[in-house]
Amino acid sequence: MSSQDRMNTASQPPVADDDEPDEWDKRIEKTGCAEENMRLTDCYAVKRDWRICADEVRKDITE
């Protein structure tokens, strides 16, 4: 690790390791679509194209 990398890492605030659902997660859970939202979000993280991911979610709805 370079000295620049260490400086960048040191200046970032620590990330809390929190498994509790936040307000966003609670709202999604209330809709009844939390599983679909998770699949859509995971798909987008991999494929980076909402159009492809939307088709995957639609398949589940129509089946």
PDB file of N, CA and C in Angstrom:
ATOM      1  N   MET A   1       0.861  -1.168   0.000  1.00  0.00           N
ATOM      2  CA  MET A   1       0.000   0.000   0.000  1.00  0.00           C
ATOM      3  C   MET A   1       0.905   1.228   0.000  1.00  0.00           C
ATOM      4  N   SER A   2       0.605   2.166  -0.889  1.00  0.00           N
ATOM      5  CA  SER A   2       1.405   3.378  -0.971  1.00  0.00           C
ATOM      6  C   SER A   2       1.025   4.325   0.162  1.00  0.00           C
ATOM      7  N   SER A   3       1.870   5.326   0.377  1.00  0.00           N
ATOM      8  CA  SER A   3       1.572   6.293   1.430  1.00  0.00           C
ATOM      9  C   SER A   3       0.305   7.083   1.091  1.00  0.00           C
ATOM     10  N   GLN A   4       0.056   7.324  -0.202  1.00  0.00           N
ATOM     11  CA  GLN A   4      -1.163   8.018  -0.613  1.00  0.00           C
ATOM     12  C   GLN A   4      -2.391   7.180  -0.273  1.00  0.00           C
ATOM     13  N   ASP A   5      -2.331   5.865  -0.521  1.00  0.00           N
ATOM     14  CA  ASP A   5      -3.446   4.977  -0.188  1.00  0.00           C
ATOM     15  C   ASP A   5      -3.723   5.002   1.310  1.00  0.00           C
ATOM     16  N   ARG A   6      -2.674   4.990   2.121  1.00  0.00           N
ATOM     17  CA  ARG A   6      -2.850   5.020   3.572  1.00  0.00           C
ATOM     18  C   ARG A   6      -3.493   6.334   4.001  1.00  0.00           C
ATOM     19  N   MET A   7      -3.092   7.437   3.368  1.00  0.00           N
ATOM     20  CA  MET A   7      -3.675   8.735   3.713  1.00  0.00           C
ATOM     21  C   MET A   7      -5.158   8.764   3.358  1.00  0.00           C
ATOM     22  N   ASN A   8      -5.523   8.228   2.175  1.00  0.00           N
ATOM     23  CA  ASN A   8      -6.925   8.210   1.759  1.00  0.00           C
ATOM     24  C   ASN A   8      -7.759   7.340   2.688  1.00  0.00           C
ATOM     25  N   THR A   9      -7.217   6.213   3.088  1.00  0.00           N
ATOM     26  CA  THR A   9      -7.924   5.310   3.980  1.00  0.00           C
ATOM     27  C   THR A   9      -8.084   5.920   5.361  1.00  0.00           C
ATOM     28  N   ALA A  10      -7.052   6.575   5.844  1.00  0.00           N
ATOM     29  CA  ALA A  10      -7.093   7.156   7.179  1.00  0.00           C
ATOM     30  C   ALA A  10      -8.079   8.311   7.267  1.00  0.00           C
ATOM     31  N   SER A  11      -8.307   9.018   6.170  1.00  0.00           N
ATOM     32  CA  SER A  11      -9.193  10.176   6.208  1.00  0.00           C
ATOM     33  C   SER A  11     -10.668   9.804   6.092  1.00  0.00           C
ATOM     34  N   GLN A  12     -10.968   8.548   5.779  1.00  0.00           N
ATOM     35  CA  GLN A  12     -12.358   8.129   5.648  1.00  0.00           C
ATOM     36  C   GLN A  12     -12.899   7.716   7.010  1.00  0.00           C
ATOM     37  N   PRO A  13     -14.141   8.103   7.293  1.00  0.00           N
ATOM     38  CA  PRO A  13     -14.723   7.713   8.580  1.00  0.00           C
ATOM     39  C   PRO A  13     -14.958   6.211   8.616  1.00  0.00           C
ATOM     40  N   PRO A  14     -14.885   5.613   9.788  1.00  0.00           N
ATOM     41  CA  PRO A  14     -15.124   4.176   9.881  1.00  0.00           C
ATOM     42  C   PRO A  14     -16.572   3.845   9.536  1.00  0.00           C
ATOM     43  N   VAL A  15     -16.770   2.706   8.903  1.00  0.00           N
ATOM     44  CA  VAL A  15     -18.097   2.260   8.521  1.00  0.00           C
ATOM     45  C   VAL A  15     -18.657   1.418   9.652  1.00  0.00           C
ATOM     46  N   ALA A  16     -19.845   1.749  10.079  1.00  0.00           N
ATOM     47  CA  ALA A  16     -20.478   1.000  11.162  1.00  0.00           C
ATOM     48  C   ALA A  16     -20.921  -0.359  10.635  1.00  0.00           C
ATOM     49  N   ASP A  17     -20.632  -1.401  11.381  1.00  0.00           N
ATOM     50  CA  ASP A  17     -21.055  -2.744  11.027  1.00  0.00           C
ATOM     51  C   ASP A  17     -22.412  -2.969  11.674  1.00  0.00           C
ATOM     52  N   ASP A  18     -23.460  -2.617  10.941  1.00  0.00           N
ATOM     53  CA  ASP A  18     -24.805  -2.609  11.503  1.00  0.00           C
ATOM     54  C   ASP A  18     -25.707  -3.517  10.681  1.00  0.00           C
ATOM     55  N   ASP A  19     -26.241  -4.537  11.307  1.00  0.00           N
ATOM     56  CA  ASP A  19     -27.140  -5.457  10.620  1.00  0.00           C
ATOM     57  C   ASP A  19     -28.604  -5.073  10.781  1.00  0.00           C
ATOM     58  N   GLU A  20     -28.876  -4.026  11.525  1.00  0.00           N
ATOM     59  CA  GLU A  20     -30.256  -3.589  11.725  1.00  0.00           C
ATOM     60  C   GLU A  20     -30.771  -2.918  10.458  1.00  0.00           C
ATOM     61  N   PRO A  21     -32.029  -3.189  10.090  1.00  0.00           N
ATOM     62  CA  PRO A  21     -32.590  -2.521   8.909  1.00  0.00           C
ATOM     63  C   PRO A  21     -32.729  -1.017   9.141  1.00  0.00           C
ATOM     64  N   ASP A  22     -32.364  -0.249   8.123  1.00  0.00           N
ATOM     65  CA  ASP A  22     -32.518   1.205   8.229  1.00  0.00           C
ATOM     66  C   ASP A  22     -33.925   1.587   7.756  1.00  0.00           C
ATOM     67  N   GLU A  23     -34.211   2.878   7.720  1.00  0.00           N
ATOM     68  CA  GLU A  23     -35.550   3.340   7.339  1.00  0.00           C
ATOM     69  C   GLU A  23     -35.921   2.911   5.925  1.00  0.00           C
ATOM     70  N   TRP A  24     -34.972   2.965   5.008  1.00  0.00           N
ATOM     71  CA  TRP A  24     -35.218   2.558   3.616  1.00  0.00           C
ATOM     72  C   TRP A  24     -35.626   1.087   3.575  1.00  0.00           C
ATOM     73  N   ASP A  25     -34.858   0.243   4.250  1.00  0.00           N
ATOM     74  CA  ASP A  25     -35.160  -1.190   4.271  1.00  0.00           C
ATOM     75  C   ASP A  25     -36.538  -1.460   4.867  1.00  0.00           C
ATOM     76  N   LYS A  26     -36.882  -0.739   5.909  1.00  0.00           N
ATOM     77  CA  LYS A  26     -38.185  -0.923   6.544  1.00  0.00           C
ATOM     78  C   LYS A  26     -39.318  -0.566   5.580  1.00  0.00           C
ATOM     79  N   ARG A  27     -39.131   0.511   4.824  1.00  0.00           N
ATOM     80  CA  ARG A  27     -40.163   0.920   3.867  1.00  0.00           C
ATOM     81  C   ARG A  27     -40.319  -0.110   2.759  1.00  0.00           C
ATOM     82  N   ILE A  28     -39.203  -0.630   2.263  1.00  0.00           N
ATOM     83  CA  ILE A  28     -39.249  -1.647   1.210  1.00  0.00           C
ATOM     84  C   ILE A  28     -39.928  -2.906   1.738  1.00  0.00           C
ATOM     85  N   GLU A  29     -39.621  -3.305   2.956  1.00  0.00           N
ATOM     86  CA  GLU A  29     -40.249  -4.484   3.564  1.00  0.00           C
ATOM     87  C   GLU A  29     -41.771  -4.322   3.612  1.00  0.00           C
ATOM     88  N   LYS A  30     -42.237  -3.124   3.955  1.00  0.00           N
ATOM     89  CA  LYS A  30     -43.680  -2.880   4.055  1.00  0.00           C
ATOM     90  C   LYS A  30     -44.394  -3.026   2.712  1.00  0.00           C
ATOM     91  N   THR A  31     -43.699  -2.820   1.606  1.00  0.00           N
ATOM     92  CA  THR A  31     -44.338  -2.924   0.294  1.00  0.00           C
ATOM     93  C   THR A  31     -44.606  -4.366  -0.099  1.00  0.00           C
ATOM     94  N   GLY A  32     -43.889  -5.293   0.532  1.00  0.00           N
ATOM     95  CA  GLY A  32     -44.012  -6.698   0.154  1.00  0.00           C
ATOM     96  C   GLY A  32     -43.138  -7.066  -1.026  1.00  0.00           C
ATOM     97  N   CYS A  33     -42.279  -6.151  -1.442  1.00  0.00           N
ATOM     98  CA  CYS A  33     -41.431  -6.381  -2.617  1.00  0.00           C
ATOM     99  C   CYS A  33     -39.942  -6.383  -2.263  1.00  0.00           C
ATOM    100  N   ALA A  34     -39.612  -6.680  -1.032  1.00  0.00           N
ATOM    101  CA  ALA A  34     -38.207  -6.627  -0.605  1.00  0.00           C
ATOM    102  C   ALA A  34     -37.341  -7.609  -1.387  1.00  0.00           C
ATOM    103  N   GLU A  35     -37.869  -8.801  -1.633  1.00  0.00           N
ATOM    104  CA  GLU A  35     -37.091  -9.810  -2.372  1.00  0.00           C
ATOM    105  C   GLU A  35     -36.821  -9.341  -3.803  1.00  0.00           C
ATOM    106  N   GLU A  36     -37.855  -8.817  -4.452  1.00  0.00           N
ATOM    107  CA  GLU A  36     -37.689  -8.310  -5.816  1.00  0.00           C
ATOM    108  C   GLU A  36     -36.719  -7.138  -5.847  1.00  0.00           C
ATOM    109  N   ASN A  37     -36.820  -6.246  -4.863  1.00  0.00           N
ATOM    110  CA  ASN A  37     -35.911  -5.107  -4.791  1.00  0.00           C
ATOM    111  C   ASN A  37     -34.463  -5.572  -4.633  1.00  0.00           C
ATOM    112  N   MET A  38     -34.254  -6.583  -3.797  1.00  0.00           N
ATOM    113  CA  MET A  38     -32.903  -7.096  -3.584  1.00  0.00           C
ATOM    114  C   MET A  38     -32.352  -7.714  -4.872  1.00  0.00           C
ATOM    115  N   ARG A  39     -33.196  -8.487  -5.583  1.00  0.00           N
ATOM    116  CA  ARG A  39     -32.733  -9.090  -6.840  1.00  0.00           C
ATOM    117  C   ARG A  39     -32.409  -8.019  -7.873  1.00  0.00           C
ATOM    118  N   LEU A  40     -33.262  -6.999  -7.950  1.00  0.00           N
ATOM    119  CA  LEU A  40     -33.031  -5.917  -8.897  1.00  0.00           C
ATOM    120  C   LEU A  40     -31.735  -5.176  -8.571  1.00  0.00           C
ATOM    121  N   THR A  41     -31.524  -4.870  -7.314  1.00  0.00           N
ATOM    122  CA  THR A  41     -30.315  -4.164  -6.896  1.00  0.00           C
ATOM    123  C   THR A  41     -29.067  -5.003  -7.149  1.00  0.00           C
ATOM    124  N   ASP A  42     -29.129  -6.286  -6.821  1.00  0.00           N
ATOM    125  CA  ASP A  42     -27.993  -7.181  -7.062  1.00  0.00           C
ATOM    126  C   ASP A  42     -27.692  -7.309  -8.549  1.00  0.00           C
ATOM    127  N   CYS A  43     -28.747  -7.437  -9.345  1.00  0.00           N
ATOM    128  CA  CYS A  43     -28.577  -7.544 -10.798  1.00  0.00           C
ATOM    129  C   CYS A  43     -27.896  -6.295 -11.345  1.00  0.00           C
ATOM    130  N   TYR A  44     -28.374  -5.140 -10.916  1.00  0.00           N
ATOM    131  CA  TYR A  44     -27.786  -3.896 -11.417  1.00  0.00           C
ATOM    132  C   TYR A  44     -26.323  -3.765 -11.016  1.00  0.00           C
ATOM    133  N   ALA A  45     -25.979  -4.222  -9.838  1.00  0.00           N
ATOM    134  CA  ALA A  45     -24.585  -4.148  -9.389  1.00  0.00           C
ATOM    135  C   ALA A  45     -23.679  -4.957 -10.308  1.00  0.00           C
ATOM    136  N   VAL A  46     -24.197  -6.045 -10.860  1.00  0.00           N
ATOM    137  CA  VAL A  46     -23.400  -6.897 -11.739  1.00  0.00           C
ATOM    138  C   VAL A  46     -23.463  -6.428 -13.191  1.00  0.00           C
ATOM    139  N   LYS A  47     -24.669  -6.183 -13.690  1.00  0.00           N
ATOM    140  CA  LYS A  47     -24.857  -5.930 -15.125  1.00  0.00           C
ATOM    141  C   LYS A  47     -24.828  -4.465 -15.515  1.00  0.00           C
ATOM    142  N   ARG A  48     -25.060  -3.570 -14.571  1.00  0.00           N
ATOM    143  CA  ARG A  48     -25.046  -2.122 -14.821  1.00  0.00           C
ATOM    144  C   ARG A  48     -25.985  -1.689 -15.932  1.00  0.00           C
ATOM    145  N   ASP A  49     -27.134  -2.368 -16.036  1.00  0.00           N
ATOM    146  CA  ASP A  49     -28.122  -2.000 -17.050  1.00  0.00           C
ATOM    147  C   ASP A  49     -29.507  -2.303 -16.494  1.00  0.00           C
ATOM    148  N   TRP A  50     -30.241  -1.262 -16.112  1.00  0.00           N
ATOM    149  CA  TRP A  50     -31.564  -1.434 -15.519  1.00  0.00           C
ATOM    150  C   TRP A  50     -32.510  -2.161 -16.450  1.00  0.00           C
ATOM    151  N   ARG A  51     -32.346  -1.959 -17.754  1.00  0.00           N
ATOM    152  CA  ARG A  51     -33.262  -2.582 -18.713  1.00  0.00           C
ATOM    153  C   ARG A  51     -33.188  -4.109 -18.630  1.00  0.00           C
ATOM    154  N   ILE A  52     -31.992  -4.644 -18.553  1.00  0.00           N
ATOM    155  CA  ILE A  52     -31.825  -6.099 -18.435  1.00  0.00           C
ATOM    156  C   ILE A  52     -32.414  -6.575 -17.107  1.00  0.00           C
ATOM    157  N   CYS A  53     -32.126  -5.856 -16.058  1.00  0.00           N
ATOM    158  CA  CYS A  53     -32.583  -6.253 -14.724  1.00  0.00           C
ATOM    159  C   CYS A  53     -34.102  -6.150 -14.596  1.00  0.00           C
ATOM    160  N   ALA A  54     -34.704  -5.164 -15.209  1.00  0.00           N
ATOM    161  CA  ALA A  54     -36.158  -5.029 -15.156  1.00  0.00           C
ATOM    162  C   ALA A  54     -36.817  -6.228 -15.814  1.00  0.00           C
ATOM    163  N   ASP A  55     -36.237  -6.723 -16.907  1.00  0.00           N
ATOM    164  CA  ASP A  55     -36.780  -7.911 -17.566  1.00  0.00           C
ATOM    165  C   ASP A  55     -36.736  -9.120 -16.636  1.00  0.00           C
ATOM    166  N   GLU A  56     -35.686  -9.258 -15.860  1.00  0.00           N
ATOM    167  CA  GLU A  56     -35.579 -10.375 -14.928  1.00  0.00           C
ATOM    168  C   GLU A  56     -36.663 -10.306 -13.856  1.00  0.00           C
ATOM    169  N   VAL A  57     -36.965  -9.136 -13.359  1.00  0.00           N
ATOM    170  CA  VAL A  57     -38.006  -8.976 -12.343  1.00  0.00           C
ATOM    171  C   VAL A  57     -39.369  -9.239 -12.972  1.00  0.00           C
ATOM    172  N   ARG A  58     -39.598  -8.768 -14.182  1.00  0.00           N
ATOM    173  CA  ARG A  58     -40.878  -8.994 -14.857  1.00  0.00           C
ATOM    174  C   ARG A  58     -41.166 -10.476 -15.037  1.00  0.00           C
ATOM    175  N   LYS A  59     -40.144 -11.282 -15.307  1.00  0.00           N
ATOM    176  CA  LYS A  59     -40.334 -12.719 -15.480  1.00  0.00           C
ATOM    177  C   LYS A  59     -40.968 -13.324 -14.238  1.00  0.00           C
ATOM    178  N   ASP A  60     -40.510 -12.894 -13.062  1.00  0.00           N
ATOM    179  CA  ASP A  60     -41.050 -13.422 -11.811  1.00  0.00           C
ATOM    180  C   ASP A  60     -42.504 -13.021 -11.611  1.00  0.00           C
ATOM    181  N   ILE A  61     -42.865 -11.851 -12.050  1.00  0.00           N
ATOM    182  CA  ILE A  61     -44.220 -11.342 -11.858  1.00  0.00           C
ATOM    183  C   ILE A  61     -45.211 -12.085 -12.758  1.00  0.00           C
ATOM    184  N   THR A  62     -44.796 -12.377 -13.976  1.00  0.00           N
ATOM    185  CA  THR A  62     -45.706 -12.987 -14.940  1.00  0.00           C
ATOM    186  C   THR A  62     -45.791 -14.495 -14.810  1.00  0.00           C
ATOM    187  N   GLU A  63     -44.916 -15.109 -14.067  1.00  0.00           N
ATOM    188  CA  GLU A  63     -44.934 -16.580 -13.942  1.00  0.00           C
ATOM    189  C   GLU A  63     -45.951 -17.029 -12.940  1.00  0.00           C
TER     190      GLU A  63
END
